[in-house]
Amino acid sequence: MIDQLTNIDKKIHHLKKRREKVQTQQAINFMREVQKIFPDGFTPDIALSILSETWGTASQSQKQNWRKRGNTFRTSDLQDTQQKSQTSDPATQQS
C-alpha cells in the first residue's frame, strides 16, 4: 500500500514537472510569434501596452471574433510542443 502511494506521488510530481515544461514551451513559442510581429525593438512592455489598448478600444463584435479565432491560433505549434515533450521524456511513455 505504501509503495502504491509513493508511486502515485511520483506520478503527480512528474505530471507537475511536465505541465511546467509545456507551459514554458508555450510561453517561448508565444514570445517568438510576438517577436515576428515586432521585429524592431520588441519589448514585452510594448506588446502588453498594445494588447491592452487594442482590447480596450475594440468593439464587442471584434472581441468576439478574436475569441473565436483564439481557439485555433497556432494549434499546430502547441501540438508539436506536446508531442516533442512526450517523445523526449521516457517516463511519460510508461504511463
Protein backbone atom coordinates (compact mmCIF):
# COMPACT_ATOMS: atom_id res chain seq x y z
CA MET A 1 0.00 0.00 0.00
CA ILE A 2 2.83 2.42 0.88
CA ASP A 3 4.54 1.57 -2.40
CA GLN A 4 1.37 2.42 -4.32
CA LEU A 5 1.10 5.78 -2.58
CA THR A 6 4.74 6.52 -3.26
CA ASN A 7 4.23 5.60 -6.90
CA ILE A 8 1.19 7.89 -7.15
CA ASP A 9 3.16 10.73 -5.54
CA LYS A 10 5.95 10.23 -8.08
CA LYS A 11 3.47 10.32 -10.96
CA ILE A 12 1.88 13.51 -9.60
CA HIS A 13 5.30 15.13 -9.26
CA HIS A 14 6.21 14.03 -12.78
CA LEU A 15 2.98 15.41 -14.24
CA LYS A 16 3.50 18.75 -12.49
CA LYS A 17 7.01 18.98 -13.96
CA ARG A 18 5.65 18.06 -17.38
CA ARG A 19 2.95 20.73 -17.13
CA GLU A 20 5.57 23.31 -16.19
CA LYS A 21 7.71 22.27 -19.14
CA VAL A 22 4.80 22.55 -21.59
CA GLN A 23 3.79 25.95 -20.17
CA THR A 24 7.34 27.19 -20.53
CA GLN A 25 7.47 25.99 -24.14
CA GLN A 26 4.14 27.69 -24.86
CA ALA A 27 5.50 30.95 -23.45
CA ILE A 28 8.62 30.65 -25.60
CA ASN A 29 6.51 29.99 -28.70
CA PHE A 30 4.33 32.98 -27.84
CA MET A 31 7.37 35.22 -27.46
CA ARG A 32 8.74 34.04 -30.82
CA GLU A 33 5.45 34.86 -32.54
CA VAL A 34 5.34 38.29 -30.93
CA GLN A 35 8.92 38.96 -32.00
CA LYS A 36 7.92 38.15 -35.59
CA ILE A 37 5.23 40.82 -35.37
CA PHE A 38 7.57 43.37 -33.76
CA PRO A 39 10.95 42.65 -35.36
CA ASP A 40 12.46 46.02 -34.41
CA GLY A 41 12.78 46.99 -30.77
CA PHE A 42 10.47 44.41 -29.25
CA THR A 43 9.90 44.51 -25.53
CA PRO A 44 7.22 42.71 -23.53
CA ASP A 45 6.04 46.09 -22.19
CA ILE A 46 5.35 47.35 -25.71
CA ALA A 47 3.42 44.22 -26.60
CA LEU A 48 1.36 44.36 -23.40
CA SER A 49 0.62 48.04 -23.92
CA ILE A 50 -0.58 47.44 -27.47
CA LEU A 51 -2.70 44.49 -26.39
CA SER A 52 -4.24 46.44 -23.54
CA GLU A 53 -5.06 49.50 -25.63
CA THR A 54 -6.33 47.48 -28.59
CA TRP A 55 -8.55 45.31 -26.42
CA GLY A 56 -9.86 48.30 -24.52
CA THR A 57 -10.90 50.16 -27.65
CA ALA A 58 -12.19 47.19 -29.66
CA SER A 59 -15.88 46.72 -30.33
CA GLN A 60 -17.74 43.78 -28.83
CA SER A 61 -18.03 42.16 -32.26
CA GLN A 62 -14.26 42.45 -32.78
CA LYS A 63 -13.62 40.93 -29.37
CA GLN A 64 -15.99 38.08 -30.22
CA ASN A 65 -14.10 37.47 -33.49
CA TRP A 66 -10.81 37.33 -31.59
CA ARG A 67 -12.28 34.91 -29.07
CA LYS A 68 -13.43 32.61 -31.88
CA ARG A 69 -10.01 32.67 -33.52
CA GLY A 70 -8.25 32.24 -30.19
CA ASN A 71 -9.08 28.56 -30.10
CA THR A 72 -7.42 27.87 -33.43
CA PHE A 73 -4.42 30.20 -33.35
CA ARG A 74 -1.19 28.25 -33.67
CA THR A 75 -2.72 24.97 -32.52
CA SER A 76 -0.20 23.12 -34.68
CA ASP A 77 2.65 24.72 -32.70
CA LEU A 78 1.04 23.64 -29.44
CA GLN A 79 0.54 20.09 -30.70
CA ASP A 80 4.16 19.93 -31.90
CA THR A 81 5.34 21.11 -28.49
CA GLN A 82 3.28 18.50 -26.67
CA GLN A 83 4.45 15.72 -28.98
CA LYS A 84 8.09 16.73 -28.54
CA SER A 85 7.77 16.77 -24.76
CA GLN A 86 6.18 13.34 -24.77
CA THR A 87 8.72 11.73 -27.09
CA SER A 88 11.68 13.27 -25.31
CA ASP A 89 10.51 12.14 -21.87
CA PRO A 90 10.64 8.33 -21.50
CA ALA A 91 8.75 8.41 -18.20
CA THR A 92 5.60 9.67 -19.98
CA GLN A 93 5.65 6.68 -22.27
CA GLN A 94 5.44 4.28 -19.33
CA SER A 95 2.07 5.56 -18.10
